[in-house]
């Protein structure tokens, strides 16, 4: 059983990498056509390197390069505090929003860090995220977590 876990991780990584290549080679679906591609990025890490070097970089590129029709960033957990206290992270998220990335934040997490007002002031929708994330999964969104 212990050998199965690493093997499963390799299979998932290869499948995801192949999926990204496919999106880079095809155009996104037309809005309203039922073929719209949707990416949900659940950002939980409070690590600024993860934010700058992977999560925000990929999420923004996915929207700007039209790899997906709809891109949503979900700020959850320690990422809420990082976003509210790091000006460079805030600037990146605001640039993403200007380019069409939808940003939502978990209200329970934001409240627990005392940053709900700061996130709302950035134009981020702060709300309960359990149901919306469950709906995204049921609706077939591609979901990544960082």
Protein backbone atom coordinates (compact mmCIF):
# COMPACT_ATOMS: atom_id res chain seq x y z
CA UNK A 1 0.00 0.00 0.00
CA UNK A 2 2.85 2.40 0.77
CA UNK A 3 4.12 2.00 -2.82
CA UNK A 4 0.72 2.97 -4.20
CA UNK A 5 0.65 6.51 -2.83
CA UNK A 6 3.81 7.76 -4.64
CA UNK A 7 2.74 6.00 -7.83
CA UNK A 8 -0.68 7.66 -7.66
CA UNK A 9 1.00 11.05 -7.22
CA UNK A 10 3.11 10.48 -10.32
CA UNK A 11 0.08 9.50 -12.38
CA UNK A 12 -1.80 12.62 -11.25
CA UNK A 13 1.14 14.90 -12.04
CA UNK A 14 1.51 13.41 -15.49
CA UNK A 15 -2.21 13.72 -16.16
CA UNK A 16 -2.23 17.35 -15.01
CA UNK A 17 0.84 18.19 -17.07
CA UNK A 18 -0.79 16.64 -20.14
CA UNK A 19 -3.95 18.63 -19.44
CA UNK A 20 -2.04 21.90 -19.34
CA UNK A 21 -0.41 21.12 -22.68
CA UNK A 22 -3.82 20.45 -24.19
CA UNK A 23 -5.18 23.79 -22.98
CA UNK A 24 -2.16 25.64 -24.35
CA UNK A 25 -2.79 24.13 -27.80
CA UNK A 26 -6.54 24.69 -28.07
CA UNK A 27 -8.68 27.76 -27.91
CA UNK A 28 -11.14 28.18 -25.10
CA UNK A 29 -14.85 27.66 -25.70
CA UNK A 30 -17.24 30.42 -26.64
CA UNK A 31 -19.12 32.00 -23.72
CA UNK A 32 -22.55 30.45 -23.34
CA UNK A 33 -21.70 27.55 -25.65
CA UNK A 34 -21.57 24.99 -22.86
CA UNK A 35 -17.92 24.33 -23.68
CA UNK A 36 -16.49 26.98 -21.39
CA UNK A 37 -13.40 25.88 -19.52
CA UNK A 38 -13.28 26.82 -15.84
CA UNK A 39 -10.32 26.88 -13.47
CA UNK A 40 -10.68 27.27 -9.73
CA UNK A 41 -7.49 27.87 -7.77
CA UNK A 42 -7.80 27.32 -4.03
CA UNK A 43 -4.97 29.26 -2.41
CA UNK A 44 -4.38 28.26 1.20
CA UNK A 45 -0.65 28.77 1.68
CA UNK A 46 0.64 31.69 3.70
CA UNK A 47 4.09 31.28 2.12
CA UNK A 48 5.00 34.34 0.00
CA UNK A 49 7.25 32.23 -2.26
CA UNK A 50 4.34 29.90 -3.07
CA UNK A 51 2.20 32.95 -3.79
CA UNK A 52 4.70 34.75 -6.04
CA UNK A 53 6.43 31.84 -7.73
CA UNK A 54 3.52 29.52 -8.42
CA UNK A 55 -0.03 30.24 -7.31
CA UNK A 56 -0.50 33.82 -8.49
CA UNK A 57 1.83 33.47 -11.46
CA UNK A 58 -0.01 30.47 -12.92
CA UNK A 59 -3.49 31.77 -12.08
CA UNK A 60 -2.84 35.10 -13.78
CA UNK A 61 -1.22 33.48 -16.82
CA UNK A 62 -4.15 31.06 -17.18
CA UNK A 63 -6.49 34.03 -17.60
CA UNK A 64 -4.24 36.34 -19.62
CA UNK A 65 -3.29 33.59 -22.07
CA UNK A 66 -6.89 32.37 -22.29
CA UNK A 67 -5.99 28.84 -21.27
CA UNK A 68 -9.36 28.89 -19.48
CA UNK A 69 -12.48 30.94 -20.16
CA UNK A 70 -13.19 31.56 -16.50
CA UNK A 71 -10.58 31.70 -13.74
CA UNK A 72 -11.47 32.02 -10.06
CA UNK A 73 -8.99 32.42 -7.20
CA UNK A 74 -10.29 31.34 -3.80
CA UNK A 75 -8.38 32.86 -0.88
CA UNK A 76 -8.66 30.44 2.02
CA UNK A 77 -6.82 30.12 5.32
CA UNK A 78 -3.38 31.69 5.84
CA UNK A 79 -3.38 33.18 2.32
CA UNK A 80 -6.00 35.68 3.54
CA UNK A 81 -3.59 37.10 6.08
CA UNK A 82 -0.72 37.18 3.57
CA UNK A 83 -2.85 39.01 1.02
CA UNK A 84 -4.00 41.58 3.57
CA UNK A 85 -0.50 42.30 4.90
CA UNK A 86 1.85 42.01 1.89
CA UNK A 87 1.68 44.95 -0.53
CA UNK A 88 3.43 43.05 -3.34
CA UNK A 89 0.96 40.16 -3.10
CA UNK A 90 -1.93 42.63 -3.01
CA UNK A 91 -0.63 44.35 -6.15
CA UNK A 92 -0.44 41.04 -8.00
CA UNK A 93 -3.97 40.07 -7.00
CA UNK A 94 -5.33 43.47 -8.05
CA UNK A 95 -3.60 43.11 -11.45
CA UNK A 96 -5.16 39.67 -11.80
CA UNK A 97 -8.59 41.07 -11.00
CA UNK A 98 -8.11 43.83 -13.58
CA UNK A 99 -7.36 41.12 -16.15
CA UNK A 100 -10.55 39.21 -15.37
CA UNK A 101 -9.66 36.76 -12.60
CA UNK A 102 -12.57 36.47 -10.17
CA UNK A 103 -11.36 36.54 -6.55
CA UNK A 104 -13.34 35.27 -3.58
CA UNK A 105 -12.28 34.74 0.03
CA UNK A 106 -13.52 32.53 2.84
CA UNK A 107 -15.23 34.73 5.43
CA UNK A 108 -14.54 32.35 8.34
CA UNK A 109 -10.81 32.43 7.60
CA UNK A 110 -10.68 36.15 6.91
CA UNK A 111 -12.59 36.86 10.13
CA UNK A 112 -10.29 34.58 12.13
CA UNK A 113 -7.28 36.59 10.90
CA UNK A 114 -9.10 39.90 11.34
CA UNK A 115 -8.68 40.84 7.66
CA UNK A 116 -12.21 40.70 6.19
CA UNK A 117 -12.50 44.49 5.87
CA UNK A 118 -9.10 44.75 4.18
CA UNK A 119 -10.03 42.08 1.62
CA UNK A 120 -13.40 43.70 0.91
CA UNK A 121 -11.63 47.06 0.43
CA UNK A 122 -9.60 45.36 -2.34
CA UNK A 123 -12.85 44.47 -4.12
CA UNK A 124 -12.76 40.81 -3.10
CA UNK A 125 -16.02 39.01 -2.42
CA UNK A 126 -15.74 37.66 1.15
CA UNK A 127 -18.26 34.92 1.91
CA UNK A 128 -18.73 31.36 3.11
CA UNK A 129 -16.83 29.17 0.64
CA UNK A 130 -17.83 25.61 1.58
CA UNK A 131 -20.91 25.51 -0.64
CA UNK A 132 -19.36 27.45 -3.58
CA UNK A 133 -16.32 25.13 -3.65
CA UNK A 134 -18.58 22.08 -3.47
CA UNK A 135 -20.62 23.47 -6.37
CA UNK A 136 -17.47 24.07 -8.41
CA UNK A 137 -16.44 20.46 -7.91
CA UNK A 138 -19.91 19.14 -8.82
CA UNK A 139 -20.01 21.37 -11.92
CA UNK A 140 -16.77 19.94 -13.27
CA UNK A 141 -14.39 22.85 -12.70
CA UNK A 142 -10.68 22.09 -12.90
CA UNK A 143 -9.53 22.77 -9.34
CA UNK A 144 -5.92 23.29 -8.21
CA UNK A 145 -4.83 23.89 -4.64
CA UNK A 146 -1.73 25.68 -3.37
